[in-house]
């Protein structure tokens, strides 16, 4: 009898509190679904703008940025979701390291943005010179005229 109880304890033993485990699983799953939504929105935007000649640069295209961010977020949250559910230490370490790298990258960008904010303000007129033809081309498009004809506003 005592041996049977010990076997049952070892089968149900967990290093992680079930509340924490399912809390991590729930939020990882929630962000996993959001990442799929972000990828879907990015793909939809890219398909809708496939015939648009306004965007001549691939890296600045917001649809591509949404797709890349969504895919990275998908893999990170997938590691957290499955790692929490299965108590897989390797996936949880990957999840933890990925979140740490994302946080440190955001911190570095914020610090660089703070220290170089003056140079960004001085460089903005140069960027607006390159964007002016694109904005002028977009203002003449039929999509923009249809929006204003229906009573919509142009930002």
N, C-alpha and C. Protein backbone atom coordinates (compact mmCIF):
# COMPACT_ATOMS: atom_id res chain seq x y z
N UNK A 1 0.83 -1.19 0.00
CA UNK A 1 0.00 0.00 0.00
C UNK A 1 0.87 1.25 0.00
N UNK A 2 1.89 1.25 0.84
CA UNK A 2 2.76 2.41 0.93
C UNK A 2 3.54 2.60 -0.37
N UNK A 3 3.93 1.50 -0.98
CA UNK A 3 4.66 1.57 -2.25
C UNK A 3 3.76 2.14 -3.35
N UNK A 4 2.51 1.80 -3.36
CA UNK A 4 1.57 2.30 -4.36
C UNK A 4 1.37 3.81 -4.19
N UNK A 5 1.29 4.31 -2.96
CA UNK A 5 1.16 5.75 -2.72
C UNK A 5 2.40 6.49 -3.20
N UNK A 6 3.57 5.94 -2.96
CA UNK A 6 4.80 6.58 -3.43
C UNK A 6 4.85 6.65 -4.95
N UNK A 7 4.39 5.61 -5.64
CA UNK A 7 4.35 5.63 -7.10
C UNK A 7 3.38 6.69 -7.60
N UNK A 8 2.24 6.83 -6.94
CA UNK A 8 1.27 7.85 -7.34
C UNK A 8 1.81 9.25 -7.12
N UNK A 9 2.55 9.46 -6.05
CA UNK A 9 3.14 10.78 -5.78
C UNK A 9 4.18 11.14 -6.82
N UNK A 10 5.00 10.16 -7.22
CA UNK A 10 6.04 10.47 -8.21
C UNK A 10 5.44 10.74 -9.57
N UNK A 11 4.32 10.13 -9.90
CA UNK A 11 3.68 10.38 -11.18
C UNK A 11 3.04 11.77 -11.22
N UNK A 12 2.54 12.25 -10.12
CA UNK A 12 1.87 13.54 -10.09
C UNK A 12 2.76 14.66 -9.56
N UNK A 13 4.02 14.38 -9.26
CA UNK A 13 4.92 15.39 -8.70
C UNK A 13 5.26 16.42 -9.77
N UNK A 14 5.30 17.67 -9.35
CA UNK A 14 5.65 18.76 -10.26
C UNK A 14 6.48 19.78 -9.50
N UNK A 15 7.50 20.31 -10.17
CA UNK A 15 8.32 21.35 -9.57
C UNK A 15 7.62 22.71 -9.60
N UNK A 16 6.61 22.83 -10.44
CA UNK A 16 5.94 24.10 -10.65
C UNK A 16 4.54 24.04 -10.06
N UNK A 17 4.18 25.11 -9.37
CA UNK A 17 2.83 25.23 -8.83
C UNK A 17 1.83 25.21 -10.00
N UNK A 18 0.77 24.42 -9.92
CA UNK A 18 -0.19 24.35 -11.04
C UNK A 18 -0.82 25.69 -11.39
N UNK A 19 -1.03 26.55 -10.40
CA UNK A 19 -1.60 27.87 -10.70
C UNK A 19 -0.66 28.67 -11.57
N UNK A 20 0.61 28.67 -11.24
CA UNK A 20 1.59 29.42 -12.04
C UNK A 20 1.72 28.81 -13.43
N UNK A 21 1.72 27.50 -13.48
CA UNK A 21 1.86 26.80 -14.75
C UNK A 21 0.71 27.14 -15.70
N UNK A 22 -0.51 27.06 -15.22
CA UNK A 22 -1.65 27.36 -16.08
C UNK A 22 -1.81 28.85 -16.33
N UNK A 23 -1.36 29.69 -15.43
CA UNK A 23 -1.35 31.13 -15.64
C UNK A 23 -0.41 31.47 -16.80
N UNK A 24 0.79 30.90 -16.78
CA UNK A 24 1.76 31.11 -17.86
C UNK A 24 1.22 30.53 -19.16
N UNK A 25 0.62 29.36 -19.10
CA UNK A 25 0.05 28.76 -20.30
C UNK A 25 -1.05 29.63 -20.89
N UNK A 26 -1.96 30.14 -20.05
CA UNK A 26 -3.08 30.94 -20.53
C UNK A 26 -2.59 32.20 -21.24
N UNK A 27 -1.68 32.93 -20.61
CA UNK A 27 -1.23 34.18 -21.22
C UNK A 27 -0.33 33.93 -22.43
N UNK A 28 0.45 32.87 -22.40
CA UNK A 28 1.24 32.53 -23.58
C UNK A 28 0.32 32.14 -24.74
N UNK A 29 -0.73 31.40 -24.44
CA UNK A 29 -1.69 31.02 -25.48
C UNK A 29 -2.41 32.25 -26.02
N UNK A 30 -2.78 33.18 -25.12
CA UNK A 30 -3.45 34.40 -25.54
C UNK A 30 -2.57 35.22 -26.48
N UNK A 31 -1.29 35.40 -26.13
CA UNK A 31 -0.39 36.15 -26.99
C UNK A 31 -0.05 35.36 -28.26
N UNK A 32 -0.11 34.03 -28.19
CA UNK A 32 0.10 33.20 -29.38
C UNK A 32 -1.02 33.46 -30.39
N UNK A 33 -2.26 33.54 -29.91
CA UNK A 33 -3.38 33.82 -30.78
C UNK A 33 -3.26 35.24 -31.34
N UNK A 34 -2.84 36.20 -30.51
CA UNK A 34 -2.65 37.57 -30.98
C UNK A 34 -1.56 37.62 -32.05
N UNK A 35 -0.51 36.82 -31.89
CA UNK A 35 0.54 36.82 -32.91
C UNK A 35 0.03 36.28 -34.24
N UNK A 36 -0.84 35.27 -34.19
CA UNK A 36 -1.46 34.78 -35.42
C UNK A 36 -2.33 35.86 -36.06
N UNK A 37 -3.02 36.63 -35.23
CA UNK A 37 -3.85 37.73 -35.72
C UNK A 37 -2.98 38.81 -36.37
N UNK A 38 -1.85 39.12 -35.77
CA UNK A 38 -0.94 40.12 -36.33
C UNK A 38 -0.40 39.65 -37.68
N UNK A 39 -0.02 38.39 -37.78
CA UNK A 39 0.46 37.85 -39.05
C UNK A 39 -0.66 37.91 -40.10
N UNK A 40 -1.88 37.56 -39.71
CA UNK A 40 -3.00 37.59 -40.65
C UNK A 40 -3.27 39.01 -41.14
N UNK A 41 -3.20 39.98 -40.24
CA UNK A 41 -3.41 41.38 -40.64
C UNK A 41 -2.29 41.83 -41.57
N UNK A 42 -1.06 41.45 -41.28
CA UNK A 42 0.07 41.80 -42.14
C UNK A 42 -0.05 41.20 -43.53
N UNK A 43 -0.45 39.92 -43.60
CA UNK A 43 -0.62 39.27 -44.90
C UNK A 43 -1.77 39.92 -45.67
N UNK A 44 -2.86 40.21 -44.98
CA UNK A 44 -3.99 40.88 -45.63
C UNK A 44 -3.57 42.24 -46.18
N UNK A 45 -2.83 43.01 -45.39
CA UNK A 45 -2.37 44.32 -45.84
C UNK A 45 -1.42 44.20 -47.02
N UNK A 46 -0.57 43.20 -46.99
CA UNK A 46 0.38 43.00 -48.09
C UNK A 46 -0.35 42.60 -49.37
N UNK A 47 -1.37 41.76 -49.26
CA UNK A 47 -2.14 41.35 -50.43
C UNK A 47 -2.93 42.53 -50.99
N UNK A 48 -3.50 43.34 -50.12
CA UNK A 48 -4.28 44.50 -50.57
C UNK A 48 -3.39 45.54 -51.24
N UNK A 49 -2.16 45.67 -50.79
CA UNK A 49 -1.25 46.67 -51.34
C UNK A 49 -0.33 46.08 -52.41
N UNK A 50 -0.62 44.87 -52.89
CA UNK A 50 0.26 44.22 -53.87
C UNK A 50 0.34 45.02 -55.17
N UNK A 51 -0.74 45.68 -55.55
CA UNK A 51 -0.73 46.44 -56.80
C UNK A 51 -0.36 47.91 -56.58
N UNK A 52 -0.14 48.30 -55.34
CA UNK A 52 0.18 49.69 -55.03
C UNK A 52 1.64 49.96 -55.36
N UNK A 53 1.87 50.97 -56.18
CA UNK A 53 3.25 51.32 -56.56
C UNK A 53 3.85 52.38 -55.66
N UNK A 54 3.11 52.79 -54.65
CA UNK A 54 3.60 53.86 -53.77
C UNK A 54 4.78 53.37 -52.95
N UNK A 55 4.73 52.17 -52.42
CA UNK A 55 5.79 51.65 -51.57
C UNK A 55 6.87 51.04 -52.44
N UNK A 56 7.98 51.72 -52.56
CA UNK A 56 9.07 51.19 -53.36
C UNK A 56 10.15 50.55 -52.50
N UNK A 57 10.04 50.66 -51.19
CA UNK A 57 11.02 50.02 -50.32
C UNK A 57 10.34 48.89 -49.57
N UNK A 58 11.01 47.77 -49.55
CA UNK A 58 10.43 46.56 -48.96
C UNK A 58 10.53 46.57 -47.44
N UNK A 59 11.61 47.10 -46.89
CA UNK A 59 11.85 47.02 -45.44
C UNK A 59 11.00 48.01 -44.64
N UNK A 60 10.56 49.08 -45.27
CA UNK A 60 9.78 50.09 -44.54
C UNK A 60 8.29 49.79 -44.63
N UNK A 61 7.91 48.83 -45.43
CA UNK A 61 6.50 48.48 -45.61
C UNK A 61 5.91 47.99 -44.28
N UNK A 62 4.88 48.65 -43.78
CA UNK A 62 4.28 48.24 -42.49
C UNK A 62 3.74 46.81 -42.50
N UNK A 63 3.27 46.34 -43.64
CA UNK A 63 2.76 44.98 -43.71
C UNK A 63 3.87 43.96 -43.46
N UNK A 64 5.04 44.22 -44.02
CA UNK A 64 6.18 43.32 -43.81
C UNK A 64 6.62 43.36 -42.35
N UNK A 65 6.62 44.54 -41.77
CA UNK A 65 7.00 44.67 -40.36
C UNK A 65 6.02 43.90 -39.48
N UNK A 66 4.71 44.00 -39.78
CA UNK A 66 3.71 43.25 -39.01
C UNK A 66 3.93 41.74 -39.15
N UNK A 67 4.23 41.29 -40.35
CA UNK A 67 4.45 39.85 -40.56
C UNK A 67 5.66 39.37 -39.78
N UNK A 68 6.77 40.12 -39.84
CA UNK A 68 8.00 39.71 -39.15
C UNK A 68 7.79 39.71 -37.63
N UNK A 69 7.19 40.76 -37.11
CA UNK A 69 6.94 40.83 -35.66
C UNK A 69 5.99 39.72 -35.23
N UNK A 70 4.97 39.46 -36.02
CA UNK A 70 4.02 38.40 -35.69
C UNK A 70 4.65 37.02 -35.69
N UNK A 71 5.54 36.74 -36.65
CA UNK A 71 6.20 35.43 -36.71
C UNK A 71 7.15 35.25 -35.53
N UNK A 72 7.93 36.28 -35.21
CA UNK A 72 8.83 36.20 -34.06
C UNK A 72 8.03 36.00 -32.77
N UNK A 73 6.97 36.77 -32.63
CA UNK A 73 6.11 36.64 -31.45
C UNK A 73 5.46 35.26 -31.39
N UNK A 74 5.10 34.71 -32.54
CA UNK A 74 4.50 33.38 -32.60
C UNK A 74 5.45 32.33 -32.04
N UNK A 75 6.71 32.35 -32.46
CA UNK A 75 7.65 31.34 -32.00
C UNK A 75 8.00 31.51 -30.52
N UNK A 76 8.13 32.75 -30.08
CA UNK A 76 8.44 32.97 -28.66
C UNK A 76 7.29 32.49 -27.78
N UNK A 77 6.07 32.88 -28.12
CA UNK A 77 4.93 32.48 -27.29
C UNK A 77 4.63 30.99 -27.42
N UNK A 78 4.97 30.39 -28.56
CA UNK A 78 4.80 28.95 -28.71
C UNK A 78 5.71 28.21 -27.73
N UNK A 79 6.95 28.69 -27.59
CA UNK A 79 7.87 28.08 -26.61
C UNK A 79 7.33 28.21 -25.20
N UNK A 80 6.78 29.37 -24.85
CA UNK A 80 6.21 29.55 -23.52
C UNK A 80 4.97 28.71 -23.29
N UNK A 81 4.13 28.62 -24.29
CA UNK A 81 2.87 27.87 -24.17
C UNK A 81 3.13 26.37 -23.99
N UNK A 82 3.89 25.79 -24.87
CA UNK A 82 4.16 24.36 -24.80
C UNK A 82 5.10 24.04 -23.63
N UNK A 83 6.05 24.92 -23.37
CA UNK A 83 6.95 24.70 -22.23
C UNK A 83 6.22 24.70 -20.91
N UNK A 84 5.25 25.58 -20.75
CA UNK A 84 4.47 25.62 -19.51
C UNK A 84 3.54 24.42 -19.40
N UNK A 85 2.94 24.04 -20.50
CA UNK A 85 1.99 22.94 -20.48
C UNK A 85 2.67 21.60 -20.21
N UNK A 86 3.81 21.38 -20.84
CA UNK A 86 4.52 20.10 -20.71
C UNK A 86 5.63 20.12 -19.67
N UNK A 87 5.85 21.29 -19.05
CA UNK A 87 6.96 21.49 -18.10
C UNK A 87 8.29 21.11 -18.73
N UNK A 88 8.46 21.54 -19.97
CA UNK A 88 9.69 21.30 -20.70
C UNK A 88 10.68 22.40 -20.35
N UNK A 89 11.73 22.03 -19.67
CA UNK A 89 12.71 23.02 -19.19
C UNK A 89 13.41 23.73 -20.34
N UNK A 90 13.72 23.01 -21.42
CA UNK A 90 14.43 23.62 -22.54
C UNK A 90 13.57 24.68 -23.23
N UNK A 91 12.30 24.40 -23.43
CA UNK A 91 11.42 25.39 -24.03
C UNK A 91 11.21 26.59 -23.11
N UNK A 92 11.11 26.34 -21.81
CA UNK A 92 10.96 27.45 -20.87
C UNK A 92 12.21 28.31 -20.80
N UNK A 93 13.38 27.68 -20.91
CA UNK A 93 14.62 28.46 -20.95
C UNK A 93 14.71 29.28 -22.24
N UNK A 94 14.31 28.69 -23.35
CA UNK A 94 14.28 29.42 -24.62
C UNK A 94 13.32 30.59 -24.53
N UNK A 95 12.17 30.37 -23.94
CA UNK A 95 11.18 31.43 -23.75
C UNK A 95 11.74 32.55 -22.88
N UNK A 96 12.38 32.17 -21.79
CA UNK A 96 12.95 33.15 -20.87
C UNK A 96 14.08 33.95 -21.53
N UNK A 97 14.96 33.28 -22.22
CA UNK A 97 16.08 33.96 -22.89
C UNK A 97 15.55 34.88 -24.00
N UNK A 98 14.55 34.42 -24.74
CA UNK A 98 13.98 35.25 -25.80
C UNK A 98 13.34 36.51 -25.24
N UNK A 99 12.58 36.37 -24.16
CA UNK A 99 11.96 37.55 -23.55
C UNK A 99 13.02 38.52 -22.99
N UNK A 100 14.09 37.95 -22.45
CA UNK A 100 15.18 38.79 -21.94
C UNK A 100 15.85 39.56 -23.08
N UNK A 101 16.09 38.88 -24.20
CA UNK A 101 16.71 39.54 -25.35
C UNK A 101 15.80 40.63 -25.93
N UNK A 102 14.51 40.36 -26.00
CA UNK A 102 13.56 41.37 -26.49
C UNK A 102 13.55 42.58 -25.56
N UNK A 103 13.53 42.34 -24.27
CA UNK A 103 13.53 43.44 -23.31
C UNK A 103 14.82 44.26 -23.40
N UNK A 104 15.97 43.58 -23.48
CA UNK A 104 17.25 44.31 -23.57
C UNK A 104 17.36 45.09 -24.88
N UNK A 105 16.82 44.55 -25.96
CA UNK A 105 16.82 45.26 -27.23
C UNK A 105 15.95 46.52 -27.14
N UNK A 106 14.79 46.40 -26.55
CA UNK A 106 13.93 47.57 -26.38
C UNK A 106 14.58 48.60 -25.47
N UNK A 107 15.24 48.15 -24.43
CA UNK A 107 15.94 49.06 -23.54
C UNK A 107 17.06 49.79 -24.26
N UNK A 108 17.83 49.07 -25.07
CA UNK A 108 18.93 49.70 -25.82
C UNK A 108 18.39 50.70 -26.83
N UNK A 109 17.30 50.37 -27.50
CA UNK A 109 16.71 51.31 -28.47
C UNK A 109 16.19 52.56 -27.76
N UNK A 110 15.57 52.39 -26.60
CA UNK A 110 15.07 53.54 -25.85
C UNK A 110 16.22 54.44 -25.39
N UNK A 111 17.31 53.84 -24.92
CA UNK A 111 18.47 54.64 -24.48
C UNK A 111 19.09 55.37 -25.66
N UNK A 112 19.26 54.67 -26.79
CA UNK A 112 19.82 55.31 -27.98
C UNK A 112 18.89 56.41 -28.49
N UNK A 113 17.59 56.17 -28.45
CA UNK A 113 16.64 57.20 -28.86
C UNK A 113 16.69 58.42 -27.97
N UNK A 114 16.93 58.22 -26.68
CA UNK A 114 17.03 59.34 -25.76
C UNK A 114 18.29 60.16 -26.03
N UNK A 115 19.41 59.48 -26.20
CA UNK A 115 20.67 60.19 -26.40
C UNK A 115 20.80 60.82 -27.78
N UNK A 116 20.20 60.23 -28.79
CA UNK A 116 20.31 60.74 -30.16
C UNK A 116 19.03 61.40 -30.64
N UNK A 117 18.20 61.86 -29.74
CA UNK A 117 16.93 62.48 -30.15
C UNK A 117 17.17 63.79 -30.89
N UNK A 118 18.21 64.53 -30.55
CA UNK A 118 18.51 65.78 -31.25
C UNK A 118 18.91 65.52 -32.69
N UNK A 119 19.70 64.49 -32.92
CA UNK A 119 20.10 64.16 -34.28
C UNK A 119 18.91 63.69 -35.11
N UNK A 120 17.96 63.04 -34.47
CA UNK A 120 16.76 62.60 -35.16
C UNK A 120 15.91 63.78 -35.59
N UNK A 121 15.83 64.81 -34.75
CA UNK A 121 15.06 66.00 -35.11
C UNK A 121 15.73 66.76 -36.24
N UNK A 122 17.06 66.78 -36.25
CA UNK A 122 17.78 67.47 -37.32
C UNK A 122 17.71 66.70 -38.63
N UNK A 123 17.64 65.38 -38.56
CA UNK A 123 17.61 64.56 -39.76
C UNK A 123 16.23 64.41 -40.36
N UNK A 124 15.19 64.87 -39.66
CA UNK A 124 13.83 64.70 -40.16
C UNK A 124 13.58 65.46 -41.46
N UNK A 125 14.08 66.69 -41.66
CA UNK A 125 13.84 67.35 -42.95
C UNK A 125 14.42 66.56 -44.13
N UNK A 126 15.53 65.86 -43.93
CA UNK A 126 16.08 65.05 -45.01
C UNK A 126 15.15 63.89 -45.36
N UNK A 127 14.54 63.30 -44.35
CA UNK A 127 13.61 62.20 -44.59
C UNK A 127 12.36 62.70 -45.29
N UNK A 128 11.87 63.87 -44.89
CA UNK A 128 10.64 64.39 -45.49
C UNK A 128 10.86 64.76 -46.96
N UNK A 129 12.08 65.11 -47.35
CA UNK A 129 12.36 65.38 -48.76
C UNK A 129 12.16 64.11 -49.59
N UNK A 130 12.59 62.98 -49.05
CA UNK A 130 12.44 61.71 -49.77
C UNK A 130 11.00 61.21 -49.76
N UNK A 131 10.24 61.56 -48.74
CA UNK A 131 8.86 61.09 -48.64
C UNK A 131 7.87 61.97 -49.40
N UNK A 132 8.23 63.20 -49.73
CA UNK A 132 7.30 64.11 -50.41
C UNK A 132 6.79 63.57 -51.74
N UNK A 133 7.63 63.00 -52.62
CA UNK A 133 7.07 62.45 -53.87
C UNK A 133 6.11 61.29 -53.62
N UNK A 134 6.38 60.48 -52.60
CA UNK A 134 5.51 59.36 -52.29
C UNK A 134 4.15 59.85 -51.80
N UNK A 135 4.16 60.86 -50.96
CA UNK A 135 2.90 61.43 -50.45
C UNK A 135 2.13 62.07 -51.58
N UNK A 136 2.82 62.77 -52.46
CA UNK A 136 2.14 63.41 -53.60
C UNK A 136 1.54 62.36 -54.52
N UNK A 137 2.24 61.26 -54.75
CA UNK A 137 1.72 60.18 -55.58
C UNK A 137 0.49 59.54 -54.94
N UNK A 138 0.53 59.38 -53.62
CA UNK A 138 -0.60 58.78 -52.91
C UNK A 138 -1.81 59.71 -52.91
N UNK A 139 -1.59 61.02 -52.84
CA UNK A 139 -2.71 61.96 -52.82
C UNK A 139 -3.46 61.94 -54.14
N UNK A 140 -2.80 61.58 -55.23
CA UNK A 140 -3.45 61.53 -56.52
C UNK A 140 -4.08 60.20 -56.84
N UNK A 141 -4.01 59.22 -55.93
CA UNK A 141 -4.54 57.89 -56.22
C UNK A 141 -6.06 57.89 -56.17
N UNK A 142 -6.68 56.93 -56.87
CA UNK A 142 -8.15 56.85 -56.90
C UNK A 142 -8.71 56.41 -55.56
N UNK A 143 -7.94 55.63 -54.80
CA UNK A 143 -8.42 55.18 -53.49
C UNK A 143 -8.62 56.37 -52.57
N UNK A 144 -7.72 57.33 -52.61
CA UNK A 144 -7.82 58.51 -51.77
C UNK A 144 -8.99 59.38 -52.21
N UNK A 145 -9.23 59.50 -53.52
CA UNK A 145 -10.35 60.31 -54.01
C UNK A 145 -11.68 59.68 -53.61
N UNK A 146 -11.79 58.35 -53.65
CA UNK A 146 -13.02 57.69 -53.25
C UNK A 146 -13.30 57.90 -51.77
N UNK A 147 -12.26 57.91 -50.94
CA UNK A 147 -12.44 58.12 -49.51
C UNK A 147 -12.96 59.52 -49.23
N UNK A 148 -12.40 60.52 -49.90
CA UNK A 148 -12.83 61.89 -49.65
C UNK A 148 -14.20 62.17 -50.27
N UNK A 149 -14.55 61.45 -51.35
CA UNK A 149 -15.86 61.67 -51.97
C UNK A 149 -16.99 61.13 -51.08
N UNK A 150 -16.70 60.10 -50.29
CA UNK A 150 -17.71 59.54 -49.39
C UNK A 150 -17.82 60.35 -48.10
N UNK A 151 -17.02 61.35 -47.95
CA UNK A 151 -17.09 62.18 -46.74
C UNK A 151 -16.06 61.79 -45.71
N UNK A 152 -15.14 60.91 -46.07
CA UNK A 152 -14.08 60.53 -45.14
C UNK A 152 -13.03 61.62 -45.07
N UNK A 153 -12.25 61.57 -44.05
CA UNK A 153 -11.21 62.57 -43.90
C UNK A 153 -9.87 61.98 -44.28
N UNK A 154 -9.01 62.83 -44.76
CA UNK A 154 -7.66 62.41 -45.12
C UNK A 154 -6.72 62.89 -44.04
N UNK A 155 -5.95 61.99 -43.45
CA UNK A 155 -5.05 62.42 -42.37
C UNK A 155 -3.95 63.29 -42.86
